[in-house]
Amino acid sequence: GGNMTDGRKTDYEKNEDKFFRLLYPSINTLLEKFGFEHKIIKPLPNTIVTYDGKKRESDFIGLLDNDDILNLEAHSSQITLEDKKKFFDYASYYSIKYQKNDIKVHTLVLSSYYKSN
């Protein structure tokens, strides 16, 4: 996610996103640590165009061994309404693409965001 003012990522956020992307080669091991039962069997395109023409880009999308889909996002900021809309767009897109209303799109957000009191 980007900063809350103009949507552009700070240098810190860009570096953190790069760090999380380094984890992707061992993504199944990471998922296992989170208690995820299924394994990724292949990556899927992470850029989609929504019904209203918006281009959306996820950090990682993968097909799981049970035919569900995993959307993995790395965030260094609080999840915004725009982020939630993006997650919904991915779920809708893949449901239509595979013509399955019962397809499950799991969204896992890895975040270092911390809000102090």
Protein backbone atom coordinates (compact mmCIF):
# COMPACT_ATOMS: atom_id res chain seq x y z
CA GLY A 1 0.00 0.00 0.00
CA GLY A 2 1.01 3.60 -0.47
CA ASN A 3 0.96 6.50 1.92
CA MET A 4 -2.39 7.94 2.92
CA THR A 5 -1.99 11.33 1.24
CA ASP A 6 -1.40 10.77 -2.46
CA GLY A 7 -1.19 7.01 -3.00
CA ARG A 8 2.51 7.01 -3.94
CA LYS A 9 4.85 4.75 -2.03
CA THR A 10 7.62 6.13 0.12
CA ASP A 11 11.20 4.82 -0.28
CA TYR A 12 10.71 2.83 2.92
CA GLU A 13 7.56 1.19 1.57
CA LYS A 14 9.27 0.39 -1.76
CA ASN A 15 12.20 -1.23 0.07
CA GLU A 16 9.88 -3.20 2.30
CA ASP A 17 7.91 -4.45 -0.70
CA LYS A 18 11.20 -5.62 -2.29
CA PHE A 19 12.07 -7.44 0.94
CA PHE A 20 8.74 -9.27 0.97
CA ARG A 21 9.18 -10.22 -2.69
CA LEU A 22 12.42 -11.97 -1.73
CA LEU A 23 10.27 -14.31 0.38
CA TYR A 24 8.23 -15.52 -2.59
CA PRO A 25 10.59 -18.36 -3.67
CA SER A 26 9.88 -20.02 -0.35
CA ILE A 27 6.24 -18.97 -0.21
CA ASN A 28 4.88 -22.43 0.55
CA THR A 29 7.13 -22.68 3.59
CA LEU A 30 5.88 -19.28 4.73
CA LEU A 31 2.25 -20.31 4.22
CA GLU A 32 2.85 -23.46 6.23
CA LYS A 33 4.16 -21.32 9.10
CA PHE A 34 0.87 -19.39 9.03
CA GLY A 35 -1.09 -22.64 9.22
CA PHE A 36 -2.19 -22.58 5.59
CA GLU A 37 -3.06 -26.13 4.55
CA HIS A 38 -2.59 -25.84 0.79
CA LYS A 39 0.44 -25.24 -1.42
CA ILE A 40 0.85 -22.90 -4.38
CA ILE A 41 1.22 -24.92 -7.56
CA LYS A 42 1.72 -22.03 -9.96
CA PRO A 43 1.76 -18.25 -10.01
CA LEU A 44 -1.03 -16.42 -11.83
CA PRO A 45 -0.92 -13.03 -13.56
CA ASN A 46 -0.82 -10.35 -10.90
CA THR A 47 -2.16 -7.53 -13.08
CA ILE A 48 -5.83 -7.36 -13.95
CA VAL A 49 -8.19 -4.87 -15.53
CA THR A 50 -11.49 -4.49 -13.69
CA TYR A 51 -14.94 -4.21 -15.24
CA ASP A 52 -14.70 -0.42 -15.04
CA GLY A 53 -11.28 -0.26 -16.71
CA LYS A 54 -9.09 0.15 -13.62
CA LYS A 55 -5.70 -1.53 -13.73
CA ARG A 56 -4.95 -3.38 -10.50
CA GLU A 57 -1.64 -4.94 -9.54
CA SER A 58 -1.14 -7.36 -6.67
CA ASP A 59 2.18 -8.36 -5.15
CA PHE A 60 1.56 -12.08 -5.78
CA ILE A 61 -1.33 -14.24 -7.01
CA GLY A 62 -1.07 -18.02 -7.01
CA LEU A 63 -3.18 -21.08 -7.77
CA LEU A 64 -3.40 -23.45 -4.82
CA ASP A 65 -3.44 -27.25 -5.01
CA ASN A 66 -7.18 -27.27 -4.16
CA ASP A 67 -8.03 -24.87 -7.04
CA ASP A 68 -8.45 -21.90 -4.68
CA ILE A 69 -6.49 -18.73 -5.33
CA LEU A 70 -4.14 -16.88 -2.98
CA ASN A 71 -3.64 -13.12 -3.17
CA LEU A 72 -0.55 -12.25 -1.13
CA GLU A 73 0.03 -8.59 -0.32
CA ALA A 74 2.90 -6.88 1.47
CA HIS A 75 2.00 -3.66 3.28
CA SER A 76 3.94 -1.22 5.37
CA SER A 77 0.95 1.03 5.95
CA GLN A 78 -2.54 0.66 7.34
CA ILE A 79 -5.01 -1.13 5.05
CA THR A 80 -7.26 1.44 3.42
CA LEU A 81 -10.69 1.29 1.83
CA GLU A 82 -8.92 1.41 -1.56
CA ASP A 83 -6.90 -1.68 -0.58
CA LYS A 84 -10.10 -3.50 0.37
CA LYS A 85 -11.64 -2.57 -2.98
CA LYS A 86 -8.57 -3.99 -4.72
CA PHE A 87 -8.88 -7.27 -2.81
CA PHE A 88 -12.55 -7.46 -3.81
CA ASP A 89 -11.67 -6.75 -7.44
CA TYR A 90 -9.29 -9.73 -7.47
CA ALA A 91 -11.89 -12.06 -6.00
CA SER A 92 -14.49 -10.90 -8.54
CA TYR A 93 -12.07 -11.12 -11.47
CA TYR A 94 -10.99 -14.69 -10.80
CA SER A 95 -14.55 -15.84 -10.09
CA ILE A 96 -15.58 -14.58 -13.52
CA LYS A 97 -12.40 -15.73 -15.29
CA TYR A 98 -12.80 -19.32 -14.11
CA GLN A 99 -16.62 -19.14 -14.29
CA LYS A 100 -16.93 -20.51 -10.79
CA ASN A 101 -19.06 -18.71 -8.22
CA ASP A 102 -17.72 -20.92 -5.48
CA ILE A 103 -14.03 -20.21 -6.09
CA LYS A 104 -12.31 -19.03 -2.95
CA VAL A 105 -9.81 -16.21 -3.20
CA HIS A 106 -7.79 -15.98 -0.01
CA THR A 107 -6.08 -12.68 0.73
CA LEU A 108 -3.10 -12.80 3.05
CA VAL A 109 -1.63 -9.43 4.02
CA LEU A 110 1.88 -9.35 5.46
CA SER A 111 2.19 -6.06 7.26
CA SER A 112 4.71 -4.28 9.39
CA TYR A 113 2.26 -1.48 10.16
CA TYR A 114 2.19 -0.59 13.83
CA LYS A 115 -0.01 2.05 15.39
CA SER A 116 1.17 3.24 18.77
CA ASN A 117 -1.19 4.74 21.33
